[in-house]
Amino acid sequence: MKNFNKNQKERVEVMALFGYEMTPCQPLTFRRRGEKETEVTELLRTQIRFVGGITLYVFDVLIGREKARLEFDSRDLSWHLT
């Protein structure tokens, strides 16, 4: 897997499971532009941030042995890898 740039957000496509038991949303896989689908190994932490009129859902995940952060923007319904 290519390295993550911690200073920028990259738009990605995410397959997520919504409304499962106690977790309302859980990202399962994501795809970066021009790459194969990457599986999320483990969901480490979730949090909600309110920024102005926007709600960001933040998911700290484990991908193999690497940590990453996926963010879901409620305004435009987009996912970003940070």
PDB file of N, CA and C in Angstrom:
ATOM      1  N   MET A   1       0.845  -1.185   0.000  1.00  0.00           N
ATOM      2  CA  MET A   1       0.000   0.000   0.000  1.00  0.00           C
ATOM      3  C   MET A   1       0.883   1.237   0.000  1.00  0.00           C
ATOM      4  N   LYS A   2       0.500   2.206  -0.763  1.00  0.00           N
ATOM      5  CA  LYS A   2       1.253   3.450  -0.817  1.00  0.00           C
ATOM      6  C   LYS A   2       1.097   4.220   0.486  1.00  0.00           C
ATOM      7  N   ASN A   3       2.074   5.074   0.770  1.00  0.00           N
ATOM      8  CA  ASN A   3       2.046   5.825   2.021  1.00  0.00           C
ATOM      9  C   ASN A   3       0.924   6.863   2.031  1.00  0.00           C
ATOM     10  N   PHE A   4       0.540   7.275   3.233  1.00  0.00           N
ATOM     11  CA  PHE A   4      -0.505   8.267   3.416  1.00  0.00           C
ATOM     12  C   PHE A   4       0.141   9.613   3.693  1.00  0.00           C
ATOM     13  N   ASN A   5      -0.369  10.658   3.054  1.00  0.00           N
ATOM     14  CA  ASN A   5       0.096  12.006   3.318  1.00  0.00           C
ATOM     15  C   ASN A   5      -0.744  12.573   4.445  1.00  0.00           C
ATOM     16  N   LYS A   6      -0.147  12.763   5.591  1.00  0.00           N
ATOM     17  CA  LYS A   6      -0.898  13.175   6.773  1.00  0.00           C
ATOM     18  C   LYS A   6      -1.373  14.621   6.722  1.00  0.00           C
ATOM     19  N   ASN A   7      -0.886  15.406   5.756  1.00  0.00           N
ATOM     20  CA  ASN A   7      -1.269  16.816   5.685  1.00  0.00           C
ATOM     21  C   ASN A   7      -2.372  17.093   4.672  1.00  0.00           C
ATOM     22  N   GLN A   8      -2.780  16.087   3.920  1.00  0.00           N
ATOM     23  CA  GLN A   8      -3.789  16.301   2.891  1.00  0.00           C
ATOM     24  C   GLN A   8      -4.892  15.265   3.001  1.00  0.00           C
ATOM     25  N   LYS A   9      -6.043  15.632   2.453  1.00  0.00           N
ATOM     26  CA  LYS A   9      -7.158  14.694   2.362  1.00  0.00           C
ATOM     27  C   LYS A   9      -7.253  14.208   0.938  1.00  0.00           C
ATOM     28  N   GLU A  10      -7.495  12.931   0.775  1.00  0.00           N
ATOM     29  CA  GLU A  10      -7.645  12.330  -0.539  1.00  0.00           C
ATOM     30  C   GLU A  10      -9.039  11.720  -0.631  1.00  0.00           C
ATOM     31  N   ARG A  11      -9.778  12.077  -1.649  1.00  0.00           N
ATOM     32  CA  ARG A  11     -11.123  11.545  -1.816  1.00  0.00           C
ATOM     33  C   ARG A  11     -11.043  10.074  -2.215  1.00  0.00           C
ATOM     34  N   VAL A  12     -11.837   9.229  -1.553  1.00  0.00           N
ATOM     35  CA  VAL A  12     -11.845   7.798  -1.819  1.00  0.00           C
ATOM     36  C   VAL A  12     -13.280   7.289  -1.904  1.00  0.00           C
ATOM     37  N   GLU A  13     -13.432   6.117  -2.505  1.00  0.00           N
ATOM     38  CA  GLU A  13     -14.716   5.430  -2.524  1.00  0.00           C
ATOM     39  C   GLU A  13     -14.706   4.422  -1.381  1.00  0.00           C
ATOM     40  N   VAL A  14     -15.782   4.398  -0.593  1.00  0.00           N
ATOM     41  CA  VAL A  14     -15.838   3.524   0.578  1.00  0.00           C
ATOM     42  C   VAL A  14     -17.078   2.649   0.508  1.00  0.00           C
ATOM     43  N   MET A  15     -16.889   1.380   0.868  1.00  0.00           N
ATOM     44  CA  MET A  15     -18.024   0.487   1.074  1.00  0.00           C
ATOM     45  C   MET A  15     -18.176   0.371   2.588  1.00  0.00           C
ATOM     46  N   ALA A  16     -19.353   0.742   3.070  1.00  0.00           N
ATOM     47  CA  ALA A  16     -19.577   0.761   4.522  1.00  0.00           C
ATOM     48  C   ALA A  16     -20.845   0.003   4.866  1.00  0.00           C
ATOM     49  N   LEU A  17     -20.884  -0.485   6.074  1.00  0.00           N
ATOM     50  CA  LEU A  17     -22.046  -1.181   6.609  1.00  0.00           C
ATOM     51  C   LEU A  17     -22.755  -0.218   7.549  1.00  0.00           C
ATOM     52  N   PHE A  18     -24.010   0.085   7.259  1.00  0.00           N
ATOM     53  CA  PHE A  18     -24.773   1.029   8.068  1.00  0.00           C
ATOM     54  C   PHE A  18     -25.790   0.296   8.922  1.00  0.00           C
ATOM     55  N   GLY A  19     -25.941   0.754  10.177  1.00  0.00           N
ATOM     56  CA  GLY A  19     -26.973   0.238  11.063  1.00  0.00           C
ATOM     57  C   GLY A  19     -26.731  -1.167  11.545  1.00  0.00           C
ATOM     58  N   TYR A  20     -25.491  -1.516  11.869  1.00  0.00           N
ATOM     59  CA  TYR A  20     -25.167  -2.855  12.332  1.00  0.00           C
ATOM     60  C   TYR A  20     -24.913  -2.829  13.839  1.00  0.00           C
ATOM     61  N   GLU A  21     -25.757  -3.479  14.598  1.00  0.00           N
ATOM     62  CA  GLU A  21     -25.672  -3.595  16.051  1.00  0.00           C
ATOM     63  C   GLU A  21     -25.451  -2.226  16.701  1.00  0.00           C
ATOM     64  N   MET A  22     -24.414  -2.078  17.494  1.00  0.00           N
ATOM     65  CA  MET A  22     -24.168  -0.842  18.243  1.00  0.00           C
ATOM     66  C   MET A  22     -23.385   0.190  17.436  1.00  0.00           C
ATOM     67  N   THR A  23     -22.860  -0.197  16.284  1.00  0.00           N
ATOM     68  CA  THR A  23     -22.103   0.729  15.447  1.00  0.00           C
ATOM     69  C   THR A  23     -22.989   1.177  14.290  1.00  0.00           C
ATOM     70  N   PRO A  24     -23.385   2.450  14.258  1.00  0.00           N
ATOM     71  CA  PRO A  24     -24.283   2.904  13.187  1.00  0.00           C
ATOM     72  C   PRO A  24     -23.652   2.887  11.798  1.00  0.00           C
ATOM     73  N   CYS A  25     -22.321   2.985  11.717  1.00  0.00           N
ATOM     74  CA  CYS A  25     -21.633   2.952  10.427  1.00  0.00           C
ATOM     75  C   CYS A  25     -20.245   2.363  10.635  1.00  0.00           C
ATOM     76  N   GLN A  26     -19.870   1.455   9.738  1.00  0.00           N
ATOM     77  CA  GLN A  26     -18.548   0.848   9.817  1.00  0.00           C
ATOM     78  C   GLN A  26     -17.973   0.708   8.413  1.00  0.00           C
ATOM     79  N   PRO A  27     -16.864   1.417   8.110  1.00  0.00           N
ATOM     80  CA  PRO A  27     -16.239   1.262   6.798  1.00  0.00           C
ATOM     81  C   PRO A  27     -15.607  -0.128   6.676  1.00  0.00           C
ATOM     82  N   LEU A  28     -15.860  -0.799   5.557  1.00  0.00           N
ATOM     83  CA  LEU A  28     -15.336  -2.146   5.338  1.00  0.00           C
ATOM     84  C   LEU A  28     -14.157  -2.162   4.374  1.00  0.00           C
ATOM     85  N   THR A  29     -14.285  -1.444   3.265  1.00  0.00           N
ATOM     86  CA  THR A  29     -13.212  -1.341   2.277  1.00  0.00           C
ATOM     87  C   THR A  29     -13.208   0.068   1.701  1.00  0.00           C
ATOM     88  N   PHE A  30     -12.095   0.436   1.077  1.00  0.00           N
ATOM     89  CA  PHE A  30     -12.032   1.707   0.361  1.00  0.00           C
ATOM     90  C   PHE A  30     -11.148   1.540  -0.860  1.00  0.00           C
ATOM     91  N   ARG A  31     -11.327   2.452  -1.813  1.00  0.00           N
ATOM     92  CA  ARG A  31     -10.556   2.403  -3.049  1.00  0.00           C
ATOM     93  C   ARG A  31     -10.028   3.799  -3.362  1.00  0.00           C
ATOM     94  N   ARG A  32      -8.720   3.876  -3.504  1.00  0.00           N
ATOM     95  CA  ARG A  32      -8.090   5.112  -3.948  1.00  0.00           C
ATOM     96  C   ARG A  32      -8.139   5.149  -5.465  1.00  0.00           C
ATOM     97  N   ARG A  33      -8.065   6.328  -6.035  1.00  0.00           N
ATOM     98  CA  ARG A  33      -8.130   6.485  -7.494  1.00  0.00           C
ATOM     99  C   ARG A  33      -7.014   5.682  -8.162  1.00  0.00           C
ATOM    100  N   GLY A  34      -7.419   4.823  -9.099  1.00  0.00           N
ATOM    101  CA  GLY A  34      -6.452   4.049  -9.868  1.00  0.00           C
ATOM    102  C   GLY A  34      -5.859   2.856  -9.148  1.00  0.00           C
ATOM    103  N   GLU A  35      -6.387   2.495  -7.982  1.00  0.00           N
ATOM    104  CA  GLU A  35      -5.844   1.372  -7.217  1.00  0.00           C
ATOM    105  C   GLU A  35      -6.918   0.337  -6.948  1.00  0.00           C
ATOM    106  N   LYS A  36      -6.485  -0.820  -6.468  1.00  0.00           N
ATOM    107  CA  LYS A  36      -7.415  -1.876  -6.093  1.00  0.00           C
ATOM    108  C   LYS A  36      -8.062  -1.554  -4.749  1.00  0.00           C
ATOM    109  N   GLU A  37      -9.128  -2.275  -4.466  1.00  0.00           N
ATOM    110  CA  GLU A  37      -9.843  -2.089  -3.211  1.00  0.00           C
ATOM    111  C   GLU A  37      -8.973  -2.539  -2.042  1.00  0.00           C
ATOM    112  N   THR A  38      -9.004  -1.778  -0.948  1.00  0.00           N
ATOM    113  CA  THR A  38      -8.229  -2.080   0.247  1.00  0.00           C
ATOM    114  C   THR A  38      -9.183  -2.391   1.388  1.00  0.00           C
ATOM    115  N   GLU A  39      -8.921  -3.478   2.084  1.00  0.00           N
ATOM    116  CA  GLU A  39      -9.790  -3.903   3.183  1.00  0.00           C
ATOM    117  C   GLU A  39      -9.391  -3.233   4.496  1.00  0.00           C
ATOM    118  N   VAL A  40     -10.395  -2.781   5.236  1.00  0.00           N
ATOM    119  CA  VAL A  40     -10.178  -2.251   6.580  1.00  0.00           C
ATOM    120  C   VAL A  40     -10.098  -3.446   7.514  1.00  0.00           C
ATOM    121  N   THR A  41      -8.960  -3.609   8.177  1.00  0.00           N
ATOM    122  CA  THR A  41      -8.741  -4.751   9.048  1.00  0.00           C
ATOM    123  C   THR A  41      -9.499  -4.617  10.359  1.00  0.00           C
ATOM    124  N   GLU A  42      -9.479  -3.403  10.926  1.00  0.00           N
ATOM    125  CA  GLU A  42     -10.109  -3.199  12.235  1.00  0.00           C
ATOM    126  C   GLU A  42     -10.545  -1.745  12.395  1.00  0.00           C
ATOM    127  N   LEU A  43     -11.689  -1.555  13.017  1.00  0.00           N
ATOM    128  CA  LEU A  43     -12.172  -0.218  13.366  1.00  0.00           C
ATOM    129  C   LEU A  43     -11.674   0.085  14.768  1.00  0.00           C
ATOM    130  N   LEU A  44     -10.828   1.104  14.893  1.00  0.00           N
ATOM    131  CA  LEU A  44     -10.214   1.426  16.178  1.00  0.00           C
ATOM    132  C   LEU A  44     -11.055   2.397  17.007  1.00  0.00           C
ATOM    133  N   ARG A  45     -11.559   3.450  16.346  1.00  0.00           N
ATOM    134  CA  ARG A  45     -12.281   4.499  17.075  1.00  0.00           C
ATOM    135  C   ARG A  45     -13.153   5.275  16.118  1.00  0.00           C
ATOM    136  N   THR A  46     -14.278   5.737  16.617  1.00  0.00           N
ATOM    137  CA  THR A  46     -15.142   6.614  15.834  1.00  0.00           C
ATOM    138  C   THR A  46     -15.415   7.873  16.641  1.00  0.00           C
ATOM    139  N   GLN A  47     -15.626   8.968  15.942  1.00  0.00           N
ATOM    140  CA  GLN A  47     -15.998  10.213  16.603  1.00  0.00           C
ATOM    141  C   GLN A  47     -16.773  11.091  15.631  1.00  0.00           C
ATOM    142  N   ILE A  48     -17.511  12.018  16.183  1.00  0.00           N
ATOM    143  CA  ILE A  48     -18.285  12.966  15.382  1.00  0.00           C
ATOM    144  C   ILE A  48     -17.757  14.352  15.675  1.00  0.00           C
ATOM    145  N   ARG A  49     -17.499  15.132  14.611  1.00  0.00           N
ATOM    146  CA  ARG A  49     -17.033  16.513  14.762  1.00  0.00           C
ATOM    147  C   ARG A  49     -18.029  17.434  14.069  1.00  0.00           C
ATOM    148  N   PHE A  50     -18.327  18.530  14.726  1.00  0.00           N
ATOM    149  CA  PHE A  50     -19.216  19.542  14.161  1.00  0.00           C
ATOM    150  C   PHE A  50     -18.368  20.744  13.780  1.00  0.00           C
ATOM    151  N   VAL A  51     -18.317  21.039  12.487  1.00  0.00           N
ATOM    152  CA  VAL A  51     -17.507  22.132  11.967  1.00  0.00           C
ATOM    153  C   VAL A  51     -18.449  23.064  11.212  1.00  0.00           C
ATOM    154  N   GLY A  52     -18.817  24.182  11.849  1.00  0.00           N
ATOM    155  CA  GLY A  52     -19.802  25.072  11.237  1.00  0.00           C
ATOM    156  C   GLY A  52     -21.118  24.343  11.094  1.00  0.00           C
ATOM    157  N   GLY A  53     -21.654  24.295   9.895  1.00  0.00           N
ATOM    158  CA  GLY A  53     -22.896  23.576   9.649  1.00  0.00           C
ATOM    159  C   GLY A  53     -22.677  22.172   9.125  1.00  0.00           C
ATOM    160  N   ILE A  54     -21.439  21.689   9.204  1.00  0.00           N
ATOM    161  CA  ILE A  54     -21.080  20.387   8.652  1.00  0.00           C
ATOM    162  C   ILE A  54     -20.812  19.407   9.784  1.00  0.00           C
ATOM    163  N   THR A  55     -21.272  18.192   9.597  1.00  0.00           N
ATOM    164  CA  THR A  55     -20.953  17.120  10.539  1.00  0.00           C
ATOM    165  C   THR A  55     -19.976  16.173   9.853  1.00  0.00           C
ATOM    166  N   LEU A  56     -18.832  15.946  10.499  1.00  0.00           N
ATOM    167  CA  LEU A  56     -17.834  15.006  10.002  1.00  0.00           C
ATOM    168  C   LEU A  56     -17.837  13.775  10.884  1.00  0.00           C
ATOM    169  N   TYR A  57     -17.935  12.620  10.273  1.00  0.00           N
ATOM    170  CA  TYR A  57     -17.833  11.357  10.987  1.00  0.00           C
ATOM    171  C   TYR A  57     -16.431  10.830  10.743  1.00  0.00           C
ATOM    172  N   VAL A  58     -15.679  10.632  11.808  1.00  0.00           N
ATOM    173  CA  VAL A  58     -14.269  10.284  11.702  1.00  0.00           C
ATOM    174  C   VAL A  58     -14.074   8.847  12.188  1.00  0.00           C
ATOM    175  N   PHE A  59     -13.381   8.049  11.369  1.00  0.00           N
ATOM    176  CA  PHE A  59     -13.132   6.651  11.679  1.00  0.00           C
ATOM    177  C   PHE A  59     -11.635   6.402  11.665  1.00  0.00           C
ATOM    178  N   ASP A  60     -11.065   6.070  12.812  1.00  0.00           N
ATOM    179  CA  ASP A  60      -9.672   5.641  12.866  1.00  0.00           C
ATOM    180  C   ASP A  60      -9.682   4.138  12.640  1.00  0.00           C
ATOM    181  N   VAL A  61      -8.939   3.700  11.617  1.00  0.00           N
ATOM    182  CA  VAL A  61      -8.971   2.302  11.217  1.00  0.00           C
ATOM    183  C   VAL A  61      -7.559   1.734  11.118  1.00  0.00           C
ATOM    184  N   LEU A  62      -7.506   0.428  11.109  1.00  0.00           N
ATOM    185  CA  LEU A  62      -6.259  -0.293  10.916  1.00  0.00           C
ATOM    186  C   LEU A  62      -6.352  -0.990   9.569  1.00  0.00           C
ATOM    187  N   ILE A  63      -5.310  -0.815   8.758  1.00  0.00           N
ATOM    188  CA  ILE A  63      -5.225  -1.442   7.444  1.00  0.00           C
ATOM    189  C   ILE A  63      -3.952  -2.273   7.459  1.00  0.00           C
ATOM    190  N   GLY A  64      -4.101  -3.541   7.700  1.00  0.00           N
ATOM    191  CA  GLY A  64      -2.919  -4.372   7.934  1.00  0.00           C
ATOM    192  C   GLY A  64      -2.303  -3.937   9.247  1.00  0.00           C
ATOM    193  N   ARG A  65      -1.110  -3.363   9.166  1.00  0.00           N
ATOM    194  CA  ARG A  65      -0.445  -2.840  10.370  1.00  0.00           C
ATOM    195  C   ARG A  65      -0.387  -1.319  10.407  1.00  0.00           C
ATOM    196  N   GLU A  66      -0.945  -0.678   9.374  1.00  0.00           N
ATOM    197  CA  GLU A  66      -0.918   0.781   9.288  1.00  0.00           C
ATOM    198  C   GLU A  66      -2.213   1.389   9.815  1.00  0.00           C
ATOM    199  N   LYS A  67      -2.071   2.512  10.502  1.00  0.00           N
ATOM    200  CA  LYS A  67      -3.247   3.252  10.954  1.00  0.00           C
ATOM    201  C   LYS A  67      -3.601   4.291   9.901  1.00  0.00           C
ATOM    202  N   ALA A  68      -4.894   4.519   9.745  1.00  0.00           N
ATOM    203  CA  ALA A  68      -5.368   5.526   8.798  1.00  0.00           C
ATOM    204  C   ALA A  68      -6.641   6.132   9.358  1.00  0.00           C
ATOM    205  N   ARG A  69      -7.069   7.213   8.744  1.00  0.00           N
ATOM    206  CA  ARG A  69      -8.299   7.878   9.166  1.00  0.00           C
ATOM    207  C   ARG A  69      -9.179   8.099   7.947  1.00  0.00           C
ATOM    208  N   LEU A  70     -10.423   7.654   8.052  1.00  0.00           N
ATOM    209  CA  LEU A  70     -11.427   7.896   7.026  1.00  0.00           C
ATOM    210  C   LEU A  70     -12.432   8.884   7.590  1.00  0.00           C
ATOM    211  N   GLU A  71     -12.792   9.886   6.790  1.00  0.00           N
ATOM    212  CA  GLU A  71     -13.766  10.889   7.224  1.00  0.00           C
ATOM    213  C   GLU A  71     -14.935  10.915   6.250  1.00  0.00           C
ATOM    214  N   PHE A  72     -16.139  10.964   6.803  1.00  0.00           N
ATOM    215  CA  PHE A  72     -17.355  11.073   6.004  1.00  0.00           C
ATOM    216  C   PHE A  72     -17.940  12.456   6.222  1.00  0.00           C
ATOM    217  N   ASP A  73     -18.099  13.219   5.128  1.00  0.00           N
ATOM    218  CA  ASP A  73     -18.618  14.582   5.175  1.00  0.00           C
ATOM    219  C   ASP A  73     -20.121  14.536   4.909  1.00  0.00           C
ATOM    220  N   SER A  74     -20.920  14.956   5.876  1.00  0.00           N
ATOM    221  CA  SER A  74     -22.379  14.871   5.747  1.00  0.00           C
ATOM    222  C   SER A  74     -22.943  15.913   4.771  1.00  0.00           C
ATOM    223  N   ARG A  75     -22.186  16.933   4.445  1.00  0.00           N
ATOM    224  CA  ARG A  75     -22.665  17.968   3.538  1.00  0.00           C
ATOM    225  C   ARG A  75     -22.764  17.453   2.106  1.00  0.00           C
ATOM    226  N   ASP A  76     -21.681  16.883   1.614  1.00  0.00           N
ATOM    227  CA  ASP A  76     -21.684  16.414   0.221  1.00  0.00           C
ATOM    228  C   ASP A  76     -21.608  14.885   0.112  1.00  0.00           C
ATOM    229  N   LEU A  77     -21.724  14.199   1.242  1.00  0.00           N
ATOM    230  CA  LEU A  77     -21.725  12.728   1.300  1.00  0.00           C
ATOM    231  C   LEU A  77     -20.479  12.116   0.680  1.00  0.00           C
ATOM    232  N   SER A  78     -19.336  12.746   0.939  1.00  0.00           N
ATOM    233  CA  SER A  78     -18.069  12.250   0.392  1.00  0.00           C
ATOM    234  C   SER A  78     -17.202  11.653   1.504  1.00  0.00           C
ATOM    235  N   TRP A  79     -16.351  10.725   1.093  1.00  0.00           N
ATOM    236  CA  TRP A  79     -15.381  10.090   1.990  1.00  0.00           C
ATOM    237  C   TRP A  79     -13.990  10.587   1.641  1.00  0.00           C
ATOM    238  N   HIS A  80     -13.157  10.787   2.685  1.00  0.00           N
ATOM    239  CA  HIS A  80     -11.773  11.206   2.476  1.00  0.00           C
ATOM    240  C   HIS A  80     -10.854  10.365   3.348  1.00  0.00           C
ATOM    241  N   LEU A  81      -9.681  10.073   2.801  1.00  0.00           N
ATOM    242  CA  LEU A  81      -8.613   9.379   3.517  1.00  0.00           C
ATOM    243  C   LEU A  81      -7.627  10.427   3.970  1.00  0.00           C
ATOM    244  N   THR A  82      -7.303  10.433   5.249  1.00  0.00           N
ATOM    245  CA  THR A  82      -6.335  11.425   5.761  1.00  0.00           C
ATOM    246  C   THR A  82      -5.196  10.727   6.445  1.00  0.00           C
TER     247      THR A  82
END
